[in-house]
Amino acid sequence: MSEVKAVLLDLGNVLVFHDNARLFTALGARAGLSGEEVGRRLSGAGWTAANRGRLDAEGIRRDVCGALGVDLPMEEFAPLWSSHFTLHDAVLPRVEGLVGRVRLGLVSNTNALHMAWLRPRLPVLQRFDAQVMSCEVGFVKPEPDIYRLALERVGCTADEAAFFDDLPEFVQAANTLGLKGRLFTTAATFDTQLRALGL
């Protein structure tokens, strides 16, 4: 097995948890709708457009508010839109421990408002060698180009990189390209997986 020179990590449910039901409930409380109704109205192409960077922060606000029939100012909408995140405190020290030992890359399907909220709360990201955000590069997982771009930015070949994600289809896409894809479940399992990779 080739030496692992880079570790590529997903963001949601790896470095941070996200609870969409909590988000829908919070938005629904402001819009006079049930969380289930908010989830129904926000399903579909809008997420993809935001994740591909086709909607900037104002575009996301306008799109979501339009779908919910409410007009929230950005200073109220932005914190609501990210109210479903909590830091994965158990895994962050393990990621810190990889700094300087391997090249670190972030590969995430996300949008501009979520990244604006998360970056100051995740100072470890400043120590990553690459951050490949779908909203900044226009590709989304499981498209091959987002993985290829991440490999290019960390300066490794596919067989020199391990990739961790909580979604099996994204792990499989990485494996198809020759990366060492691993399904992320818990911090303890992450430890075991890193040890098995020689880390």
Protein backbone atom coordinates (compact mmCIF):
# COMPACT_ATOMS: atom_id res chain seq x y z
CA MET A 1 0.00 0.00 0.00
CA SER A 2 1.33 3.44 -0.96
CA GLU A 3 2.31 5.78 1.83
CA VAL A 4 -0.49 8.19 2.70
CA LYS A 5 0.76 11.72 2.08
CA ALA A 6 -2.59 13.54 2.22
CA VAL A 7 -5.82 13.21 4.17
CA LEU A 8 -8.92 14.71 2.57
CA LEU A 9 -11.88 15.31 4.87
CA ASP A 10 -15.54 16.07 4.40
CA LEU A 11 -17.02 18.86 6.53
CA GLY A 12 -20.60 17.93 7.47
CA ASN A 13 -20.90 15.06 9.95
CA VAL A 14 -17.11 14.83 10.07
CA LEU A 15 -15.74 18.13 11.42
CA VAL A 16 -19.17 19.49 12.30
CA PHE A 17 -22.58 17.92 12.81
CA HIS A 18 -25.59 19.28 10.97
CA ASP A 19 -29.18 18.60 11.91
CA ASN A 20 -31.48 19.61 9.07
CA ALA A 21 -34.60 18.94 11.14
CA ARG A 22 -33.35 21.54 13.61
CA LEU A 23 -32.75 24.00 10.77
CA PHE A 24 -36.22 23.45 9.32
CA THR A 25 -37.82 23.88 12.75
CA ALA A 26 -35.95 27.15 13.35
CA LEU A 27 -36.91 28.54 9.95
CA GLY A 28 -40.46 27.31 10.36
CA ALA A 29 -40.85 29.07 13.71
CA ARG A 30 -40.04 32.35 11.97
CA ALA A 31 -42.17 31.66 8.89
CA GLY A 32 -45.22 30.23 10.68
CA LEU A 33 -44.72 26.79 9.13
CA SER A 34 -44.05 23.32 10.45
CA GLY A 35 -40.53 21.95 10.15
CA GLU A 36 -41.89 19.26 7.83
CA GLU A 37 -43.42 21.89 5.56
CA VAL A 38 -40.15 23.86 5.48
CA GLY A 39 -38.28 20.69 4.53
CA ARG A 40 -40.77 20.01 1.74
CA ARG A 41 -40.51 23.54 0.36
CA LEU A 42 -36.70 23.58 0.48
CA SER A 43 -36.18 20.21 -1.20
CA GLY A 44 -35.01 20.26 -4.80
CA ALA A 45 -32.76 22.25 -7.06
CA GLY A 46 -32.15 25.24 -4.77
CA TRP A 47 -29.66 23.34 -2.62
CA THR A 48 -27.69 22.27 -5.68
CA ALA A 49 -27.60 25.81 -7.08
CA ALA A 50 -26.29 27.13 -3.76
CA ASN A 51 -23.75 24.31 -3.43
CA ARG A 52 -22.47 24.94 -6.97
CA GLY A 53 -21.97 28.61 -6.17
CA ARG A 54 -24.72 29.77 -8.51
CA LEU A 55 -26.37 31.55 -5.58
CA ASP A 56 -24.36 33.98 -3.49
CA ALA A 57 -25.34 34.84 0.10
CA GLU A 58 -28.06 37.24 -1.00
CA GLY A 59 -29.30 34.77 -3.61
CA ILE A 60 -29.63 32.07 -0.95
CA ARG A 61 -31.54 34.44 1.35
CA ARG A 62 -33.87 35.50 -1.44
CA ASP A 63 -34.42 31.91 -2.64
CA VAL A 64 -35.14 30.45 0.81
CA CYS A 65 -37.31 33.36 1.95
CA GLY A 66 -39.27 33.19 -1.29
CA ALA A 67 -39.90 29.48 -0.83
CA LEU A 68 -41.10 30.06 2.74
CA GLY A 69 -43.16 33.16 2.03
CA VAL A 70 -41.28 35.34 4.48
CA ASP A 71 -38.78 38.21 4.08
CA LEU A 72 -36.03 38.07 6.69
CA PRO A 73 -33.19 40.61 6.66
CA MET A 74 -29.73 39.10 6.17
CA GLU A 75 -28.66 39.85 9.75
CA GLU A 76 -31.51 37.60 10.96
CA PHE A 77 -31.45 35.06 8.14
CA ALA A 78 -27.73 34.25 8.13
CA PRO A 79 -27.50 32.97 11.74
CA LEU A 80 -30.79 31.08 11.32
CA TRP A 81 -29.48 29.43 8.15
CA SER A 82 -26.51 28.04 10.09
CA SER A 83 -28.31 27.32 13.36
CA HIS A 84 -28.16 23.55 12.80
CA PHE A 85 -24.36 23.20 13.11
CA THR A 86 -22.44 21.97 16.14
CA LEU A 87 -18.70 21.32 16.24
CA HIS A 88 -17.57 17.70 16.39
CA ASP A 89 -15.36 18.30 19.41
CA ALA A 90 -14.16 14.69 19.67
CA VAL A 91 -12.65 14.63 16.17
CA LEU A 92 -11.08 18.10 16.00
CA PRO A 93 -8.04 17.24 18.21
CA ARG A 94 -7.39 14.20 16.01
CA VAL A 95 -7.37 16.43 12.93
CA GLU A 96 -5.06 18.88 14.72
CA GLY A 97 -2.74 15.94 15.33
CA LEU A 98 -2.40 15.39 11.59
CA VAL A 99 -1.17 18.94 10.93
CA GLY A 100 2.43 18.82 9.74
CA ARG A 101 2.39 15.03 9.36
CA VAL A 102 0.35 14.86 6.16
CA ARG A 103 -1.15 17.40 3.79
CA LEU A 104 -4.70 18.18 4.79
CA GLY A 105 -7.53 18.99 2.44
CA LEU A 106 -11.20 19.79 2.94
CA VAL A 107 -13.66 18.60 0.28
CA SER A 108 -17.23 19.68 0.95
CA ASN A 109 -20.55 20.24 -0.74
CA THR A 110 -21.56 23.51 0.91
CA ASN A 111 -22.69 27.06 0.26
CA ALA A 112 -21.30 30.54 0.80
CA LEU A 113 -23.34 31.39 3.91
CA HIS A 114 -22.50 28.16 5.71
CA MET A 115 -18.78 28.62 5.04
CA ALA A 116 -18.89 32.23 6.23
CA TRP A 117 -20.39 31.00 9.52
CA LEU A 118 -18.16 27.94 9.95
CA ARG A 119 -14.69 29.23 9.05
CA PRO A 120 -14.24 31.46 12.12
CA ARG A 121 -15.50 28.63 14.34
CA LEU A 122 -13.04 26.10 12.88
CA PRO A 123 -9.61 27.72 13.21
CA VAL A 124 -7.96 24.41 12.29
CA LEU A 125 -9.07 25.05 8.70
CA GLN A 126 -6.44 27.80 8.47
CA ARG A 127 -3.83 25.05 8.81
CA PHE A 128 -5.22 22.96 5.95
CA ASP A 129 -3.20 22.85 2.75
CA ALA A 130 -6.32 23.04 0.58
CA GLN A 131 -10.00 23.82 0.97
CA VAL A 132 -12.11 22.66 -1.96
CA MET A 133 -15.61 24.02 -1.38
CA SER A 134 -18.22 23.12 -3.98
CA CYS A 135 -19.64 26.64 -3.88
CA GLU A 136 -16.22 28.05 -4.78
CA VAL A 137 -15.18 25.56 -7.48
CA GLY A 138 -18.52 24.73 -9.16
CA PHE A 139 -18.18 20.95 -8.78
CA VAL A 140 -20.03 18.80 -6.25
CA LYS A 141 -19.35 15.35 -4.86
CA PRO A 142 -19.57 12.71 -6.23
CA GLU A 143 -18.39 14.34 -9.48
CA PRO A 144 -14.82 13.22 -10.28
CA ASP A 145 -13.57 16.76 -10.91
CA ILE A 146 -13.94 17.85 -7.27
CA TYR A 147 -11.71 14.98 -6.12
CA ARG A 148 -9.18 15.63 -8.90
CA LEU A 149 -9.02 19.30 -7.96
CA ALA A 150 -8.45 18.42 -4.30
CA LEU A 151 -5.60 16.06 -5.25
CA GLU A 152 -4.05 18.75 -7.42
CA ARG A 153 -4.22 21.30 -4.60
CA VAL A 154 -2.63 19.00 -2.03
CA GLY A 155 -0.02 17.88 -4.58
CA CYS A 156 -0.66 14.14 -4.36
CA THR A 157 -1.66 11.30 -6.62
CA ALA A 158 -4.86 9.43 -5.86
CA ASP A 159 -3.07 6.43 -4.34
CA GLU A 160 -1.23 8.75 -1.92
CA ALA A 161 -4.45 10.21 -0.48
CA ALA A 162 -7.04 8.99 2.01
CA PHE A 163 -10.54 10.44 1.86
CA PHE A 164 -13.07 10.43 4.70
CA ASP A 165 -16.78 11.13 4.21
CA ASP A 166 -19.98 10.12 6.01
CA LEU A 167 -21.84 9.32 2.78
CA PRO A 168 -21.10 5.92 1.17
CA GLU A 169 -21.71 7.16 -2.38
CA PHE A 170 -19.05 9.85 -1.99
CA VAL A 171 -16.59 7.34 -0.56
CA GLN A 172 -17.27 4.99 -3.46
CA ALA A 173 -16.66 7.78 -5.96
CA ALA A 174 -13.28 8.45 -4.32
CA ASN A 175 -12.39 4.75 -4.41
CA THR A 176 -13.28 4.58 -8.10
CA LEU A 177 -10.67 7.28 -8.74
CA GLY A 178 -8.04 5.34 -6.80
CA LEU A 179 -8.16 7.19 -3.47
CA LYS A 180 -8.25 5.29 -0.20
CA GLY A 181 -11.85 6.14 0.60
CA ARG A 182 -13.07 5.47 4.12
CA LEU A 183 -16.57 5.84 5.55
CA PHE A 184 -16.47 8.22 8.52
CA THR A 185 -18.68 7.16 11.44
CA THR A 186 -17.18 8.10 14.82
CA ALA A 187 -14.03 9.70 16.21
CA ALA A 188 -12.95 6.36 17.69
CA THR A 189 -13.37 4.58 14.36
CA PHE A 190 -11.46 7.43 12.69
CA ASP A 191 -8.54 6.65 15.03
CA THR A 192 -8.62 3.00 13.99
CA GLN A 193 -8.81 3.89 10.31
CA LEU A 194 -5.86 6.30 10.59
CA ARG A 195 -3.76 3.67 12.35
CA ALA A 196 -4.57 1.15 9.62
CA LEU A 197 -3.33 3.71 7.08
CA GLY A 198 -0.07 4.12 8.98
CA LEU A 199 -1.10 7.41 10.57
